[in-house]
PDB file of N, CA and C in Angstrom:
ATOM      1  N   MET A   1      26.033  12.850  -7.164  1.00  0.00           N
ATOM      2  CA  MET A   1      25.488  11.534  -6.910  1.00  0.00           C
ATOM      3  C   MET A   1      24.369  11.251  -7.907  1.00  0.00           C
ATOM      4  N   ALA A   2      24.426  10.135  -8.580  1.00  0.00           N
ATOM      5  CA  ALA A   2      23.436   9.776  -9.594  1.00  0.00           C
ATOM      6  C   ALA A   2      22.146   9.301  -8.934  1.00  0.00           C
ATOM      7  N   ALA A   3      21.038   9.628  -9.568  1.00  0.00           N
ATOM      8  CA  ALA A   3      19.740   9.175  -9.057  1.00  0.00           C
ATOM      9  C   ALA A   3      19.593   7.685  -9.327  1.00  0.00           C
ATOM     10  N   ASN A   4      18.940   7.009  -8.423  1.00  0.00           N
ATOM     11  CA  ASN A   4      18.675   5.590  -8.600  1.00  0.00           C
ATOM     12  C   ASN A   4      17.481   5.444  -9.533  1.00  0.00           C
ATOM     13  N   LEU A   5      17.736   4.998 -10.768  1.00  0.00           N
ATOM     14  CA  LEU A   5      16.678   4.916 -11.771  1.00  0.00           C
ATOM     15  C   LEU A   5      15.751   3.726 -11.560  1.00  0.00           C
ATOM     16  N   ASN A   6      16.090   2.824 -10.664  1.00  0.00           N
ATOM     17  CA  ASN A   6      15.255   1.660 -10.398  1.00  0.00           C
ATOM     18  C   ASN A   6      14.336   1.853  -9.204  1.00  0.00           C
ATOM     19  N   ARG A   7      14.325   3.019  -8.640  1.00  0.00           N
ATOM     20  CA  ARG A   7      13.534   3.271  -7.442  1.00  0.00           C
ATOM     21  C   ARG A   7      12.155   3.819  -7.805  1.00  0.00           C
ATOM     22  N   SER A   8      11.138   3.308  -7.143  1.00  0.00           N
ATOM     23  CA  SER A   8       9.774   3.788  -7.371  1.00  0.00           C
ATOM     24  C   SER A   8       9.608   5.191  -6.805  1.00  0.00           C
ATOM     25  N   GLU A   9       8.819   5.980  -7.491  1.00  0.00           N
ATOM     26  CA  GLU A   9       8.457   7.308  -6.975  1.00  0.00           C
ATOM     27  C   GLU A   9       7.231   7.140  -6.095  1.00  0.00           C
ATOM     28  N   ARG A  10       7.178   7.882  -5.020  1.00  0.00           N
ATOM     29  CA  ARG A  10       6.035   7.806  -4.116  1.00  0.00           C
ATOM     30  C   ARG A  10       5.276   9.126  -4.130  1.00  0.00           C
ATOM     31  N   VAL A  11       3.970   9.012  -4.310  1.00  0.00           N
ATOM     32  CA  VAL A  11       3.109  10.194  -4.317  1.00  0.00           C
ATOM     33  C   VAL A  11       1.951   9.933  -3.360  1.00  0.00           C
ATOM     34  N   MET A  12       1.488  10.982  -2.726  1.00  0.00           N
ATOM     35  CA  MET A  12       0.416  10.863  -1.746  1.00  0.00           C
ATOM     36  C   MET A  12      -0.847  11.557  -2.255  1.00  0.00           C
ATOM     37  N   TYR A  13      -1.978  10.943  -1.948  1.00  0.00           N
ATOM     38  CA  TYR A  13      -3.281  11.483  -2.327  1.00  0.00           C
ATOM     39  C   TYR A  13      -4.238  11.380  -1.156  1.00  0.00           C
ATOM     40  N   ARG A  14      -5.220  12.236  -1.187  1.00  0.00           N
ATOM     41  CA  ARG A  14      -6.364  12.131  -0.275  1.00  0.00           C
ATOM     42  C   ARG A  14      -7.559  11.735  -1.133  1.00  0.00           C
ATOM     43  N   VAL A  15      -8.256  10.702  -0.702  1.00  0.00           N
ATOM     44  CA  VAL A  15      -9.447  10.225  -1.396  1.00  0.00           C
ATOM     45  C   VAL A  15     -10.531  10.011  -0.351  1.00  0.00           C
ATOM     46  N   ASP A  16     -11.750   9.881  -0.808  1.00  0.00           N
ATOM     47  CA  ASP A  16     -12.825   9.526   0.112  1.00  0.00           C
ATOM     48  C   ASP A  16     -12.458   8.176   0.717  1.00  0.00           C
ATOM     49  N   ARG A  17     -12.501   8.061   2.003  1.00  0.00           N
ATOM     50  CA  ARG A  17     -12.058   6.833   2.665  1.00  0.00           C
ATOM     51  C   ARG A  17     -12.847   5.612   2.224  1.00  0.00           C
ATOM     52  N   TYR A  18     -14.066   5.819   1.761  1.00  0.00           N
ATOM     53  CA  TYR A  18     -14.882   4.707   1.296  1.00  0.00           C
ATOM     54  C   TYR A  18     -14.514   4.268  -0.123  1.00  0.00           C
ATOM     55  N   GLU A  19     -13.655   5.023  -0.783  1.00  0.00           N
ATOM     56  CA  GLU A  19     -13.231   4.704  -2.145  1.00  0.00           C
ATOM     57  C   GLU A  19     -11.845   4.054  -2.202  1.00  0.00           C
ATOM     58  N   ILE A  20     -11.179   3.898  -1.062  1.00  0.00           N
ATOM     59  CA  ILE A  20      -9.823   3.345  -1.053  1.00  0.00           C
ATOM     60  C   ILE A  20      -9.807   1.934  -1.636  1.00  0.00           C
ATOM     61  N   HIS A  21     -10.738   1.090  -1.230  1.00  0.00           N
ATOM     62  CA  HIS A  21     -10.770  -0.285  -1.731  1.00  0.00           C
ATOM     63  C   HIS A  21     -11.030  -0.321  -3.235  1.00  0.00           C
ATOM     64  N   TYR A  22     -11.924   0.533  -3.693  1.00  0.00           N
ATOM     65  CA  TYR A  22     -12.225   0.609  -5.128  1.00  0.00           C
ATOM     66  C   TYR A  22     -10.978   0.993  -5.911  1.00  0.00           C
ATOM     67  N   LEU A  23     -10.279   2.013  -5.457  1.00  0.00           N
ATOM     68  CA  LEU A  23      -9.071   2.465  -6.144  1.00  0.00           C
ATOM     69  C   LEU A  23      -8.004   1.376  -6.135  1.00  0.00           C
ATOM     70  N   LYS A  24      -7.847   0.696  -5.017  1.00  0.00           N
ATOM     71  CA  LYS A  24      -6.870  -0.395  -4.933  1.00  0.00           C
ATOM     72  C   LYS A  24      -7.229  -1.505  -5.917  1.00  0.00           C
ATOM     73  N   PHE A  25      -8.494  -1.833  -6.021  1.00  0.00           N
ATOM     74  CA  PHE A  25      -8.957  -2.858  -6.949  1.00  0.00           C
ATOM     75  C   PHE A  25      -8.632  -2.459  -8.396  1.00  0.00           C
ATOM     76  N   ILE A  26      -8.886  -1.213  -8.749  1.00  0.00           N
ATOM     77  CA  ILE A  26      -8.602  -0.730 -10.104  1.00  0.00           C
ATOM     78  C   ILE A  26      -7.105  -0.804 -10.382  1.00  0.00           C
ATOM     79  N   LEU A  27      -6.284  -0.343  -9.448  1.00  0.00           N
ATOM     80  CA  LEU A  27      -4.835  -0.367  -9.651  1.00  0.00           C
ATOM     81  C   LEU A  27      -4.302  -1.797  -9.788  1.00  0.00           C
ATOM     82  N   GLU A  28      -4.875  -2.726  -9.050  1.00  0.00           N
ATOM     83  CA  GLU A  28      -4.440  -4.118  -9.161  1.00  0.00           C
ATOM     84  C   GLU A  28      -4.753  -4.690 -10.538  1.00  0.00           C
ATOM     85  N   ALA A  29      -5.814  -4.199 -11.171  1.00  0.00           N
ATOM     86  CA  ALA A  29      -6.161  -4.658 -12.518  1.00  0.00           C
ATOM     87  C   ALA A  29      -5.111  -4.221 -13.540  1.00  0.00           C
ATOM     88  N   TYR A  30      -4.445  -3.114 -13.274  1.00  0.00           N
ATOM     89  CA  TYR A  30      -3.365  -2.616 -14.128  1.00  0.00           C
ATOM     90  C   TYR A  30      -2.043  -3.080 -13.530  1.00  0.00           C
ATOM     91  N   GLU A  31      -1.792  -4.354 -13.605  1.00  0.00           N
ATOM     92  CA  GLU A  31      -0.649  -4.989 -12.944  1.00  0.00           C
ATOM     93  C   GLU A  31       0.662  -4.235 -13.210  1.00  0.00           C
ATOM     94  N   GLY A  32       1.345  -3.903 -12.128  1.00  0.00           N
ATOM     95  CA  GLY A  32       2.636  -3.235 -12.229  1.00  0.00           C
ATOM     96  C   GLY A  32       2.562  -1.730 -12.395  1.00  0.00           C
ATOM     97  N   LEU A  33       1.363  -1.164 -12.405  1.00  0.00           N
ATOM     98  CA  LEU A  33       1.231   0.284 -12.601  1.00  0.00           C
ATOM     99  C   LEU A  33       1.593   1.058 -11.342  1.00  0.00           C
ATOM    100  N   ALA A  34       1.101   0.623 -10.199  1.00  0.00           N
ATOM    101  CA  ALA A  34       1.381   1.297  -8.929  1.00  0.00           C
ATOM    102  C   ALA A  34       0.941   0.399  -7.789  1.00  0.00           C
ATOM    103  N   THR A  35       1.541   0.626  -6.638  1.00  0.00           N
ATOM    104  CA  THR A  35       1.152  -0.081  -5.424  1.00  0.00           C
ATOM    105  C   THR A  35       0.558   0.932  -4.457  1.00  0.00           C
ATOM    106  N   LEU A  36      -0.637   0.643  -3.968  1.00  0.00           N
ATOM    107  CA  LEU A  36      -1.333   1.546  -3.062  1.00  0.00           C
ATOM    108  C   LEU A  36      -1.111   1.094  -1.628  1.00  0.00           C
ATOM    109  N   THR A  37      -0.725   2.046  -0.790  1.00  0.00           N
ATOM    110  CA  THR A  37      -0.598   1.819   0.646  1.00  0.00           C
ATOM    111  C   THR A  37      -1.471   2.837   1.358  1.00  0.00           C
ATOM    112  N   THR A  38      -2.302   2.386   2.279  1.00  0.00           N
ATOM    113  CA  THR A  38      -3.134   3.285   3.060  1.00  0.00           C
ATOM    114  C   THR A  38      -2.319   3.793   4.245  1.00  0.00           C
ATOM    115  N   LEU A  39      -2.155   5.108   4.330  1.00  0.00           N
ATOM    116  CA  LEU A  39      -1.404   5.714   5.425  1.00  0.00           C
ATOM    117  C   LEU A  39      -2.312   6.128   6.575  1.00  0.00           C
ATOM    118  N   ASN A  40      -3.515   6.584   6.258  1.00  0.00           N
ATOM    119  CA  ASN A  40      -4.478   6.977   7.282  1.00  0.00           C
ATOM    120  C   ASN A  40      -5.880   6.715   6.728  1.00  0.00           C
ATOM    121  N   SER A  41      -6.498   5.625   7.153  1.00  0.00           N
ATOM    122  CA  SER A  41      -7.795   5.243   6.593  1.00  0.00           C
ATOM    123  C   SER A  41      -8.909   6.201   6.990  1.00  0.00           C
ATOM    124  N   GLU A  42      -8.824   6.771   8.172  1.00  0.00           N
ATOM    125  CA  GLU A  42      -9.864   7.713   8.618  1.00  0.00           C
ATOM    126  C   GLU A  42      -9.904   8.969   7.754  1.00  0.00           C
ATOM    127  N   LYS A  43      -8.743   9.442   7.346  1.00  0.00           N
ATOM    128  CA  LYS A  43      -8.657  10.671   6.548  1.00  0.00           C
ATOM    129  C   LYS A  43      -8.515  10.396   5.057  1.00  0.00           C
ATOM    130  N   GLY A  44      -8.440   9.127   4.666  1.00  0.00           N
ATOM    131  CA  GLY A  44      -8.340   8.781   3.252  1.00  0.00           C
ATOM    132  C   GLY A  44      -6.997   9.112   2.642  1.00  0.00           C
ATOM    133  N   ILE A  45      -5.936   9.037   3.432  1.00  0.00           N
ATOM    134  CA  ILE A  45      -4.596   9.356   2.933  1.00  0.00           C
ATOM    135  C   ILE A  45      -3.942   8.074   2.429  1.00  0.00           C
ATOM    136  N   ILE A  46      -3.556   8.100   1.161  1.00  0.00           N
ATOM    137  CA  ILE A  46      -2.914   6.940   0.560  1.00  0.00           C
ATOM    138  C   ILE A  46      -1.581   7.354  -0.061  1.00  0.00           C
ATOM    139  N   GLN A  47      -0.746   6.362  -0.266  1.00  0.00           N
ATOM    140  CA  GLN A  47       0.521   6.585  -0.961  1.00  0.00           C
ATOM    141  C   GLN A  47       0.566   5.612  -2.132  1.00  0.00           C
ATOM    142  N   LEU A  48       0.972   6.115  -3.289  1.00  0.00           N
ATOM    143  CA  LEU A  48       1.148   5.274  -4.456  1.00  0.00           C
ATOM    144  C   LEU A  48       2.630   5.184  -4.765  1.00  0.00           C
ATOM    145  N   ALA A  49       3.138   3.963  -4.888  1.00  0.00           N
ATOM    146  CA  ALA A  49       4.521   3.732  -5.306  1.00  0.00           C
ATOM    147  C   ALA A  49       4.469   3.407  -6.793  1.00  0.00           C
ATOM    148  N   VAL A  50       5.117   4.261  -7.588  1.00  0.00           N
ATOM    149  CA  VAL A  50       5.050   4.160  -9.039  1.00  0.00           C
ATOM    150  C   VAL A  50       6.410   3.731  -9.585  1.00  0.00           C
ATOM    151  N   PRO A  51       6.466   2.593 -10.265  1.00  0.00           N
ATOM    152  CA  PRO A  51       7.741   2.145 -10.823  1.00  0.00           C
ATOM    153  C   PRO A  51       8.237   3.096 -11.917  1.00  0.00           C
ATOM    154  N   PRO A  52       9.537   3.106 -12.154  1.00  0.00           N
ATOM    155  CA  PRO A  52      10.094   3.946 -13.219  1.00  0.00           C
ATOM    156  C   PRO A  52       9.415   3.649 -14.561  1.00  0.00           C
ATOM    157  N   GLY A  53       9.105   4.712 -15.273  1.00  0.00           N
ATOM    158  CA  GLY A  53       8.504   4.581 -16.592  1.00  0.00           C
ATOM    159  C   GLY A  53       6.999   4.397 -16.605  1.00  0.00           C
ATOM    160  N   ARG A  54       6.354   4.381 -15.461  1.00  0.00           N
ATOM    161  CA  ARG A  54       4.908   4.157 -15.399  1.00  0.00           C
ATOM    162  C   ARG A  54       4.118   5.384 -14.949  1.00  0.00           C
ATOM    163  N   LYS A  55       4.830   6.471 -14.621  1.00  0.00           N
ATOM    164  CA  LYS A  55       4.163   7.649 -14.069  1.00  0.00           C
ATOM    165  C   LYS A  55       3.136   8.252 -15.026  1.00  0.00           C
ATOM    166  N   ASP A  56       3.478   8.359 -16.308  1.00  0.00           N
ATOM    167  CA  ASP A  56       2.534   8.936 -17.272  1.00  0.00           C
ATOM    168  C   ASP A  56       1.267   8.096 -17.383  1.00  0.00           C
ATOM    169  N   SER A  57       1.429   6.779 -17.409  1.00  0.00           N
ATOM    170  CA  SER A  57       0.268   5.883 -17.479  1.00  0.00           C
ATOM    171  C   SER A  57      -0.604   6.026 -16.236  1.00  0.00           C
ATOM    172  N   LEU A  58       0.040   6.116 -15.074  1.00  0.00           N
ATOM    173  CA  LEU A  58      -0.717   6.287 -13.830  1.00  0.00           C
ATOM    174  C   LEU A  58      -1.475   7.606 -13.840  1.00  0.00           C
ATOM    175  N   GLU A  59      -0.820   8.669 -14.251  1.00  0.00           N
ATOM    176  CA  GLU A  59      -1.485   9.978 -14.268  1.00  0.00           C
ATOM    177  C   GLU A  59      -2.676   9.989 -15.220  1.00  0.00           C
ATOM    178  N   SER A  60      -2.565   9.287 -16.347  1.00  0.00           N
ATOM    179  CA  SER A  60      -3.698   9.187 -17.276  1.00  0.00           C
ATOM    180  C   SER A  60      -4.865   8.450 -16.634  1.00  0.00           C
ATOM    181  N   LEU A  61      -4.560   7.352 -15.957  1.00  0.00           N
ATOM    182  CA  LEU A  61      -5.607   6.592 -15.279  1.00  0.00           C
ATOM    183  C   LEU A  61      -6.261   7.421 -14.179  1.00  0.00           C
ATOM    184  N   LEU A  62      -5.453   8.102 -13.376  1.00  0.00           N
ATOM    185  CA  LEU A  62      -6.007   8.907 -12.284  1.00  0.00           C
ATOM    186  C   LEU A  62      -6.851  10.063 -12.816  1.00  0.00           C
ATOM    187  N   ALA A  63      -6.447  10.635 -13.944  1.00  0.00           N
ATOM    188  CA  ALA A  63      -7.242  11.714 -14.549  1.00  0.00           C
ATOM    189  C   ALA A  63      -8.612  11.176 -14.969  1.00  0.00           C
ATOM    190  N   ALA A  64      -8.637   9.976 -15.545  1.00  0.00           N
ATOM    191  CA  ALA A  64      -9.910   9.372 -15.941  1.00  0.00           C
ATOM    192  C   ALA A  64     -10.755   9.033 -14.712  1.00  0.00           C
ATOM    193  N   LEU A  65     -10.111   8.523 -13.675  1.00  0.00           N
ATOM    194  CA  LEU A  65     -10.843   8.190 -12.447  1.00  0.00           C
ATOM    195  C   LEU A  65     -11.331   9.435 -11.721  1.00  0.00           C
ATOM    196  N   GLY A  66     -10.710  10.568 -11.984  1.00  0.00           N
ATOM    197  CA  GLY A  66     -11.117  11.820 -11.361  1.00  0.00           C
ATOM    198  C   GLY A  66     -12.546  12.204 -11.685  1.00  0.00           C
ATOM    199  N   HIS A  67     -13.106  11.607 -12.741  1.00  0.00           N
ATOM    200  CA  HIS A  67     -14.513  11.849 -13.075  1.00  0.00           C
ATOM    201  C   HIS A  67     -15.449  11.038 -12.179  1.00  0.00           C
ATOM    202  N   GLU A  68     -14.915  10.003 -11.550  1.00  0.00           N
ATOM    203  CA  GLU A  68     -15.714   9.134 -10.682  1.00  0.00           C
ATOM    204  C   GLU A  68     -15.524   9.428  -9.201  1.00  0.00           C
ATOM    205  N   LEU A  69     -14.295   9.768  -8.829  1.00  0.00           N
ATOM    206  CA  LEU A  69     -14.004  10.005  -7.426  1.00  0.00           C
ATOM    207  C   LEU A  69     -13.033  11.158  -7.277  1.00  0.00           C
ATOM    208  N   ARG A  70     -13.027  11.726  -6.093  1.00  0.00           N
ATOM    209  CA  ARG A  70     -12.176  12.885  -5.829  1.00  0.00           C
ATOM    210  C   ARG A  70     -10.789  12.405  -5.409  1.00  0.00           C
ATOM    211  N   LEU A  71      -9.796  12.826  -6.168  1.00  0.00           N
ATOM    212  CA  LEU A  71      -8.401  12.521  -5.866  1.00  0.00           C
ATOM    213  C   LEU A  71      -7.673  13.839  -5.677  1.00  0.00           C
ATOM    214  N   GLU A  72      -7.114  14.036  -4.512  1.00  0.00           N
ATOM    215  CA  GLU A  72      -6.390  15.272  -4.223  1.00  0.00           C
ATOM    216  C   GLU A  72      -4.943  14.921  -3.908  1.00  0.00           C
ATOM    217  N   ARG A  73      -4.035  15.350  -4.784  1.00  0.00           N
ATOM    218  CA  ARG A  73      -2.616  15.090  -4.528  1.00  0.00           C
ATOM    219  C   ARG A  73      -2.167  15.979  -3.378  1.00  0.00           C
ATOM    220  N   ILE A  74      -1.452  15.394  -2.446  1.00  0.00           N
ATOM    221  CA  ILE A  74      -0.993  16.145  -1.284  1.00  0.00           C
ATOM    222  C   ILE A  74       0.511  15.997  -1.142  1.00  0.00           C
ATOM    223  N   SER A  75       1.080  16.864  -0.378  1.00  0.00           N
ATOM    224  CA  SER A  75       2.518  16.884  -0.156  1.00  0.00           C
ATOM    225  C   SER A  75       2.879  16.035   1.047  1.00  0.00           C
ATOM    226  N   ALA A  76       4.012  15.354   0.954  1.00  0.00           N
ATOM    227  CA  ALA A  76       4.501  14.562   2.085  1.00  0.00           C
ATOM    228  C   ALA A  76       4.941  15.456   3.236  1.00  0.00           C
ATOM    229  N   SER A  77       5.035  16.750   2.993  1.00  0.00           N
ATOM    230  CA  SER A  77       5.460  17.671   4.042  1.00  0.00           C
ATOM    231  C   SER A  77       4.283  18.108   4.921  1.00  0.00           C
ATOM    232  N   GLN A  78       3.164  17.425   4.833  1.00  0.00           N
ATOM    233  CA  GLN A  78       2.002  17.726   5.656  1.00  0.00           C
ATOM    234  C   GLN A  78       1.805  16.603   6.662  1.00  0.00           C
ATOM    235  N   PRO A  79       2.693  16.473   7.663  1.00  0.00           N
ATOM    236  CA  PRO A  79       2.632  15.342   8.584  1.00  0.00           C
ATOM    237  C   PRO A  79       1.355  15.277   9.416  1.00  0.00           C
ATOM    238  N   GLU A  80       0.675  16.389   9.599  1.00  0.00           N
ATOM    239  CA  GLU A  80      -0.526  16.376  10.424  1.00  0.00           C
ATOM    240  C   GLU A  80      -1.646  15.556   9.783  1.00  0.00           C
ATOM    241  N   ILE A  81      -1.606  15.341   8.491  1.00  0.00           N
ATOM    242  CA  ILE A  81      -2.656  14.567   7.853  1.00  0.00           C
ATOM    243  C   ILE A  81      -2.423  13.074   8.007  1.00  0.00           C
ATOM    244  N   ILE A  82      -1.239  12.677   8.383  1.00  0.00           N
ATOM    245  CA  ILE A  82      -0.922  11.263   8.509  1.00  0.00           C
ATOM    246  C   ILE A  82      -1.368  10.733   9.872  1.00  0.00           C
ATOM    247  N   SER A  83      -1.125  11.488  10.911  1.00  0.00           N
ATOM    248  CA  SER A  83      -1.479  11.018  12.251  1.00  0.00           C
ATOM    249  C   SER A  83      -2.956  11.246  12.512  1.00  0.00           C
ATOM    250  N   PRO A  84      -3.581  10.356  13.275  1.00  0.00           N
ATOM    251  CA  PRO A  84      -5.017  10.504  13.568  1.00  0.00           C
ATOM    252  C   PRO A  84      -5.328  11.713  14.433  1.00  0.00           C
TER     253      PRO A  84
END
């Protein structure tokens, strides 16, 4: 079965909950780079949907932002972090 090349990749991160709005604002400035969804605001769990061909650009931006805020990539197989 062929992979769907038009499907966004989803990655999850933990950030300081007070930085979620800031990160969303930055991502919106880079139109089409990624869409941020908050999965658990209390724990700072977010999901980024990354369109095909934009992953490298997103990773570069997140690496630069890592100097300003803590971004911890997490696995979707950690369901306990999603529920309150």
